[in-house]
Protein backbone atom coordinates (compact mmCIF):
# COMPACT_ATOMS: atom_id res chain seq x y z
CA MET A 1 -41.38 1.35 -30.91
CA ILE A 2 -38.39 3.16 -30.42
CA LYS A 3 -36.73 5.10 -27.48
CA LEU A 4 -35.90 8.60 -29.07
CA ALA A 5 -34.00 11.40 -27.63
CA THR A 6 -33.41 15.01 -29.14
CA VAL A 7 -30.79 16.77 -27.47
CA SER A 8 -30.49 20.59 -28.12
CA PRO A 9 -27.82 22.53 -26.96
CA CYS A 10 -28.91 25.81 -25.24
CA TYR A 11 -27.02 29.46 -24.58
CA ASN A 12 -29.43 32.07 -23.41
CA GLU A 13 -32.38 30.55 -24.80
CA GLU A 14 -34.78 31.37 -22.40
CA GLU A 15 -37.01 33.38 -25.02
CA VAL A 16 -37.78 30.32 -26.83
CA LEU A 17 -37.67 27.37 -24.81
CA GLU A 18 -41.51 27.04 -23.94
CA SER A 19 -42.57 27.77 -27.07
CA SER A 20 -40.10 24.94 -28.71
CA VAL A 21 -40.82 22.53 -25.84
CA GLN A 22 -44.75 23.29 -26.58
CA ARG A 23 -43.98 22.01 -30.68
CA LEU A 24 -41.86 19.09 -29.58
CA SER A 25 -44.51 17.80 -26.98
CA ALA A 26 -47.03 18.03 -29.64
CA LEU A 27 -44.93 15.82 -31.95
CA PHE A 28 -44.19 13.36 -29.60
CA GLU A 29 -47.44 13.17 -28.72
CA GLN A 30 -48.23 12.30 -32.15
CA MET A 31 -45.08 10.41 -33.12
CA ILE A 32 -46.13 7.88 -29.71
CA ALA A 33 -50.32 8.01 -31.20
CA ASP A 34 -48.77 6.69 -34.21
CA GLY A 35 -47.01 4.26 -32.99
CA LYS A 36 -43.38 5.47 -34.23
CA ILE A 37 -42.09 6.11 -30.64
CA SER A 38 -42.18 4.73 -27.04
CA PRO A 39 -43.87 7.05 -24.44
CA ASP A 40 -40.52 7.38 -22.43
CA SER A 41 -39.06 9.12 -25.22
CA GLU A 42 -37.22 12.18 -24.02
CA MET A 43 -36.41 15.69 -25.44
CA VAL A 44 -33.32 16.63 -23.54
CA PHE A 45 -31.96 20.68 -22.80
CA VAL A 46 -28.10 20.64 -22.90
CA ASN A 47 -27.57 24.23 -20.44
CA ASP A 48 -24.21 25.80 -22.11
CA GLY A 49 -23.34 28.26 -19.10
CA SER A 50 -26.26 30.28 -20.21
CA ARG A 51 -25.97 33.97 -18.21
CA ASP A 52 -30.03 33.96 -18.46
CA HIS A 53 -32.72 32.48 -16.70
CA THR A 54 -32.45 29.06 -19.18
CA TRP A 55 -31.02 26.84 -16.82
CA GLU A 56 -33.98 27.90 -14.21
CA LEU A 57 -36.22 27.76 -17.11
CA ILE A 58 -35.28 24.01 -17.76
CA CYS A 59 -35.99 23.10 -14.48
CA ARG A 60 -39.54 23.92 -14.24
CA LEU A 61 -40.23 22.77 -17.42
CA GLN A 62 -39.24 18.86 -16.30
CA GLN A 63 -41.26 19.34 -13.66
CA GLU A 64 -44.34 19.98 -15.59
CA ASN A 65 -43.61 17.80 -18.91
CA LYS A 66 -42.77 14.39 -18.67
CA PHE A 67 -40.48 14.32 -21.63
CA VAL A 68 -38.52 17.27 -20.37
CA ARG A 69 -34.91 16.81 -19.26
CA GLY A 70 -31.67 18.89 -18.75
CA ILE A 71 -28.33 18.78 -18.40
CA ASN A 72 -26.24 21.86 -16.65
CA LEU A 73 -22.64 21.58 -17.83
CA ALA A 74 -20.09 23.60 -15.57
CA HIS A 75 -19.16 26.26 -17.61
CA ASN A 76 -19.57 27.62 -21.45
CA VAL A 77 -17.85 24.89 -23.61
CA GLY A 78 -19.39 25.97 -27.35
CA HIS A 79 -21.99 24.42 -29.18
CA GLN A 80 -20.01 21.07 -30.32
CA LYS A 81 -19.25 20.39 -27.09
CA ALA A 82 -22.53 20.97 -25.83
CA ILE A 83 -23.89 18.99 -28.20
CA MET A 84 -21.23 16.15 -27.51
CA ALA A 85 -22.37 16.07 -23.81
CA GLY A 86 -26.35 15.46 -24.84
CA MET A 87 -24.82 12.98 -27.19
CA MET A 88 -22.70 10.75 -24.50
CA THR A 89 -25.32 11.50 -22.12
CA MET A 90 -27.70 9.83 -23.86
CA LYS A 91 -26.32 6.77 -25.94
CA ASP A 92 -27.43 4.30 -23.48
CA TYR A 93 -30.66 5.09 -22.71
CA ALA A 94 -31.87 5.95 -26.19
CA ASP A 95 -31.85 3.59 -29.59
CA ALA A 96 -31.32 6.71 -30.93
CA VAL A 97 -30.75 10.76 -30.51
CA ILE A 98 -31.45 13.73 -32.66
CA THR A 99 -29.52 16.92 -32.38
CA LEU A 100 -31.37 20.41 -33.45
CA ASP A 101 -31.18 23.91 -32.01
CA ALA A 102 -33.57 24.83 -29.16
CA ASP A 103 -35.20 27.67 -31.66
CA LEU A 104 -36.21 25.02 -33.86
CA GLN A 105 -35.50 26.41 -36.87
CA ASP A 106 -35.00 23.02 -38.48
CA ASP A 107 -37.89 21.38 -39.97
CA ILE A 108 -39.39 18.86 -36.91
CA THR A 109 -41.87 17.78 -39.31
CA VAL A 110 -39.00 15.48 -40.68
CA ILE A 111 -38.21 14.09 -37.69
CA PRO A 112 -40.56 10.94 -38.24
CA GLN A 113 -39.23 10.28 -41.79
CA MET A 114 -36.09 10.28 -39.86
CA VAL A 115 -37.31 7.46 -37.36
CA ASP A 116 -38.98 5.99 -40.27
CA ASP A 117 -35.20 5.64 -41.98
CA PHE A 118 -33.71 4.36 -38.86
CA ALA A 119 -36.23 1.77 -38.57
CA ASN A 120 -35.35 0.92 -41.81
CA GLY A 121 -31.38 0.03 -41.13
CA TYR A 122 -29.86 3.39 -41.03
CA ASP A 123 -27.64 4.61 -38.55
CA ILE A 124 -27.29 8.22 -39.71
CA VAL A 125 -29.85 10.44 -41.06
CA TYR A 126 -28.98 13.95 -41.61
CA GLY A 127 -30.76 16.80 -42.44
CA VAL A 128 -30.14 18.75 -45.32
CA LYS A 129 -31.11 22.10 -46.27
CA VAL A 130 -33.06 22.52 -48.96
CA SER A 131 -34.65 26.11 -48.60
CA ARG A 132 -32.55 29.33 -46.39
CA THR A 133 -34.87 32.20 -47.45
CA ALA A 134 -34.85 32.75 -43.24
CA ASP A 135 -31.13 33.23 -43.20
CA PRO A 136 -29.87 36.72 -43.89
CA VAL A 137 -27.97 36.80 -47.67
CA LEU A 138 -24.87 37.01 -46.30
CA LYS A 139 -25.15 33.99 -44.13
CA ARG A 140 -26.53 31.98 -47.27
CA MET A 141 -23.18 33.42 -49.28
CA SER A 142 -20.86 32.33 -46.49
CA ALA A 143 -22.06 29.22 -45.89
CA LEU A 144 -21.94 28.16 -49.57
CA ALA A 145 -18.83 29.47 -49.92
CA PHE A 146 -17.35 27.66 -46.53
CA TYR A 147 -18.91 24.22 -48.02
CA LYS A 148 -17.26 24.99 -51.34
CA LEU A 149 -13.46 25.72 -49.40
CA GLN A 150 -14.41 22.49 -47.81
CA GLU A 151 -14.68 20.56 -50.55
CA LYS A 152 -11.43 21.94 -52.27
CA MET A 153 -9.40 21.14 -48.79
CA GLY A 154 -10.55 17.70 -48.90
CA VAL A 155 -12.73 17.63 -46.00
CA ARG A 156 -15.61 15.13 -46.46
CA CYS A 157 -18.60 16.52 -45.37
CA ILE A 158 -22.51 16.63 -46.24
CA PHE A 159 -23.35 19.76 -48.15
CA ASN A 160 -26.11 22.44 -46.35
CA HIS A 161 -26.12 19.92 -43.49
CA ALA A 162 -25.48 21.32 -39.70
CA ASP A 163 -26.08 19.99 -36.80
CA PHE A 164 -29.65 18.77 -37.38
CA ARG A 165 -29.48 14.82 -37.66
CA LEU A 166 -30.56 11.33 -36.07
CA MET A 167 -27.70 8.49 -34.91
CA SER A 168 -28.51 5.28 -33.44
CA ARG A 169 -26.93 3.97 -30.28
CA ARG A 170 -24.29 2.24 -32.57
CA ALA A 171 -23.32 4.96 -34.32
CA LEU A 172 -22.67 7.34 -30.91
CA ASN A 173 -21.03 4.34 -29.78
CA MET A 174 -17.97 4.71 -32.23
CA LEU A 175 -18.41 8.37 -32.45
CA ALA A 176 -17.51 8.02 -28.50
CA GLU A 177 -14.22 6.17 -29.49
CA TYR A 178 -12.63 9.50 -31.29
CA PRO A 179 -11.00 11.30 -28.89
CA GLU A 180 -10.71 14.73 -30.13
CA ARG A 181 -10.53 18.26 -28.58
CA ASN A 182 -11.26 19.97 -31.84
CA LEU A 183 -14.57 19.32 -32.78
CA TYR A 184 -16.04 19.57 -35.55
CA LEU A 185 -19.09 16.80 -35.69
CA ARG A 186 -19.83 17.79 -39.40
CA GLY A 187 -16.81 16.39 -40.57
CA LEU A 188 -16.43 13.43 -37.64
CA ILE A 189 -19.26 12.13 -37.88
CA PRO A 190 -19.34 11.07 -42.02
CA MET A 191 -16.25 8.98 -40.97
CA ILE A 192 -18.16 6.91 -39.14
CA GLY A 193 -18.85 4.89 -42.04
CA LEU A 194 -22.24 3.12 -41.63
CA ASP A 195 -25.51 3.55 -43.59
CA SER A 196 -26.78 7.39 -43.86
CA THR A 197 -29.43 9.21 -45.88
CA THR A 198 -30.87 12.81 -46.11
CA VAL A 199 -34.34 14.31 -45.50
CA ASP A 200 -34.93 18.11 -46.58
CA ASP A 201 -34.81 20.47 -43.70
CA THR A 202 -36.52 23.50 -44.73
CA ILE A 203 -35.43 26.30 -42.24
CA SER A 204 -38.00 28.58 -40.94
CA GLU A 205 -37.01 31.93 -39.08
CA ARG A 206 -36.48 31.93 -35.47
CA GLN A 207 -39.50 32.41 -33.47
CA ALA A 208 -38.22 35.45 -30.69
CA GLY A 209 -34.73 36.77 -29.91
CA HIS A 210 -31.51 36.07 -32.26
CA SER A 211 -29.05 33.48 -32.85
CA LYS A 212 -25.87 33.04 -30.80
CA TYR A 213 -24.15 31.94 -33.41
CA THR A 214 -22.36 35.23 -34.10
CA LEU A 215 -19.68 35.45 -36.91
CA LYS A 216 -16.74 34.80 -35.01
CA LYS A 217 -18.33 31.28 -33.26
CA MET A 218 -19.04 30.48 -37.09
CA LEU A 219 -15.33 31.57 -38.22
CA ASN A 220 -13.42 29.85 -35.33
CA LEU A 221 -15.97 26.71 -36.66
CA ALA A 222 -14.90 27.19 -39.98
CA LEU A 223 -11.14 27.11 -39.15
CA ASP A 224 -11.60 24.10 -37.18
CA GLY A 225 -13.67 22.19 -39.91
CA ILE A 226 -10.84 22.88 -41.80
CA THR A 227 -7.66 22.35 -39.83
CA SER A 228 -9.10 19.83 -37.84
CA PHE A 229 -9.33 17.70 -41.34
CA SER A 230 -7.03 18.94 -43.95
CA VAL A 231 -3.35 19.12 -43.93
CA LYS A 232 -3.84 21.00 -47.71
CA PRO A 233 -3.03 24.36 -46.11
CA ILE A 234 0.78 23.34 -45.36
CA TYR A 235 1.38 21.85 -48.49
CA LEU A 236 -0.42 24.93 -49.84
CA ILE A 237 2.08 27.37 -47.98
CA PHE A 238 4.98 25.01 -49.86
CA TRP A 239 3.80 25.29 -53.31
CA THR A 240 3.43 28.99 -52.22
CA GLY A 241 6.87 29.69 -51.35
CA LEU A 242 7.80 27.65 -54.57
CA LEU A 243 6.48 30.48 -56.68
CA PHE A 244 7.46 33.33 -55.19
CA LEU A 245 11.16 31.08 -55.87
CA LEU A 246 10.22 31.57 -59.22
CA ILE A 247 9.31 35.08 -59.14
CA CYS A 248 12.71 35.59 -57.17
CA LEU A 249 14.90 33.75 -60.17
CA GLY A 250 13.15 35.71 -62.72
CA ILE A 251 13.40 39.02 -60.79
CA PHE A 252 17.46 38.18 -60.61
CA PHE A 253 17.57 37.68 -64.08
CA TYR A 254 15.65 40.55 -65.01
CA VAL A 255 18.18 43.14 -62.63
CA LEU A 256 21.02 41.17 -64.16
CA HIS A 257 19.51 42.39 -68.27
CA ALA A 258 19.30 45.93 -66.66
CA LEU A 259 22.29 45.89 -65.52
CA ALA A 260 24.10 44.83 -68.70
CA GLU A 261 21.68 46.93 -70.65
CA GLY A 262 22.27 49.97 -68.02
CA THR A 263 18.81 50.77 -67.90
CA ALA A 264 18.85 49.86 -64.12
CA VAL A 265 17.06 53.03 -61.96
CA ALA A 266 17.46 53.00 -58.24
CA GLY A 267 14.57 53.08 -56.62
CA TRP A 268 13.41 52.07 -52.91
CA SER A 269 9.61 51.52 -53.76
CA SER A 270 9.85 47.94 -55.95
CA VAL A 271 12.02 46.80 -52.80
CA ILE A 272 9.66 47.96 -49.97
CA LEU A 273 6.25 46.70 -51.66
CA SER A 274 8.74 43.12 -51.76
CA ILE A 275 9.69 43.23 -48.39
CA TRP A 276 5.69 43.69 -47.29
CA LEU A 277 4.49 41.22 -49.85
CA VAL A 278 7.04 38.50 -48.80
CA GLY A 279 7.36 39.33 -45.09
CA ALA A 280 3.07 39.15 -45.07
CA PHE A 281 3.20 35.26 -46.87
CA MET A 282 5.40 33.99 -44.60
CA LEU A 283 3.48 35.85 -41.45
CA PHE A 284 0.82 34.09 -42.77
CA GLY A 285 2.36 30.68 -43.18
CA ILE A 286 3.83 31.14 -39.83
CA GLY A 287 0.15 31.47 -38.70
CA ILE A 288 -1.05 28.57 -40.52
CA ILE A 289 1.19 26.35 -38.99
CA GLY A 290 0.81 27.99 -35.45
CA VAL A 291 -2.76 26.81 -35.46
CA TYR A 292 -1.69 23.21 -36.53
CA ILE A 293 0.68 23.08 -33.64
CA GLY A 294 -1.81 24.90 -31.50
CA LYS A 295 -4.30 21.95 -31.85
CA ILE A 296 -1.51 19.27 -31.11
CA TYR A 297 -0.57 21.40 -28.07
CA GLN A 298 -4.75 20.83 -27.62
CA GLU A 299 -5.24 17.13 -28.40
CA VAL A 300 -1.84 16.42 -26.46
CA LYS A 301 -3.42 17.75 -22.91
CA HIS A 302 -6.28 15.29 -23.30
CA ARG A 303 -8.57 17.51 -21.13
CA PRO A 304 -12.30 16.74 -20.74
CA LEU A 305 -14.36 18.26 -22.98
CA TYR A 306 -16.96 19.14 -20.87
CA HIS A 307 -18.43 18.71 -16.94
CA ILE A 308 -21.89 18.43 -16.00
CA ARG A 309 -23.07 20.10 -12.81
CA ASP A 310 -26.53 18.42 -12.74
CA ILE A 311 -28.82 16.34 -14.65
CA ARG A 312 -32.32 16.83 -13.96
CA GLY A 313 -35.53 14.37 -14.81
CA LYS A 314 -34.89 10.58 -15.21
CA LEU A 315 -33.18 9.35 -18.10
C-alpha cells in the first residue's frame, strides 16, 4: 500500500472546508479498506494568507480528524506557489501527492483510478476536464481560447488540465530541481518527461462560497503561462515591425505617385491616425519586452517562493 497525500491550497475557504474534509475522509476510509492506500495517508491544507478563519478551522479539524494536516504560510503568495509549498513539504513523506482545490469541484471519485495508475508505473496522472457545465459560459470560452493560444505559442501543456494531478515522489524530486520563480505548473510539469496518463475529470458546482480565482488572477496566470515558456511574442514583434516597414514603403511610393500626378491633398487625418497606430504598436511591443525583462529581474534575485509559518499535524 502506498502512502498518499492530497494537497489543497486554501485562501478564505472556511465555508467549504468542513464539507471537503468529510468527503475526503470518507474516500480515504474506503480506499484504506480496499487496500489501495496506507492508514497513515494524509490530506494537507495549505493556508495561503487567508483573511478569514480558515487557519483556525484547519487547526480544529486537525485535532478532530486523523487525516488532516495544516501548513500555514507566512503571507499570501498565490495559488501556484501555495501548491508548490504543499508538494515540496510532502515529497519526503508520501509516495505520491495529489493536488486539488479545497472546494473539491474536481471529481474526487477518480482518485482511486489515479492511485491504480500510479501503482501500474505512471509517475504523473493528469485530471482532464471532460465536462465544464458547472463553469460559467464566459469561463468555458476563455479557457478554450487560452489553451488554443498556448498551443500556438508553443507551450507544451495538457489540454483542459488545471491543477488536479497525481505526482510520484520521483516526479516531485525532479520538479524541485526547477528553480523558477514565475510558476506555471501546468506548463512546467509536462517538461519533466516521466511516464504519464490521464483520467476524466467532471467538474461539479461549488458547494458553498465563491471561487477565489478572479478574472484578474486568471489573466495573470495566462500571461505567466505564455511568457514563461515561449519567446514567440518577441518574434511576433519583429515580424509586425517588418510588416509595418513594408506598409510604410507602400505609402512612400503612393505619395510619390500622387505628387507626380498632382493629386496629393494636404490632410492631417491620415497622418494623425498613422502616428497613433504605429505608436500603439510600439508601446505594445515595448510592453511585451518589458514583461520578459521583469521576469528576468525576478528570477535573478533568487528570492524564496514562500515562507512557512507553522505546520500542524504529523507529516
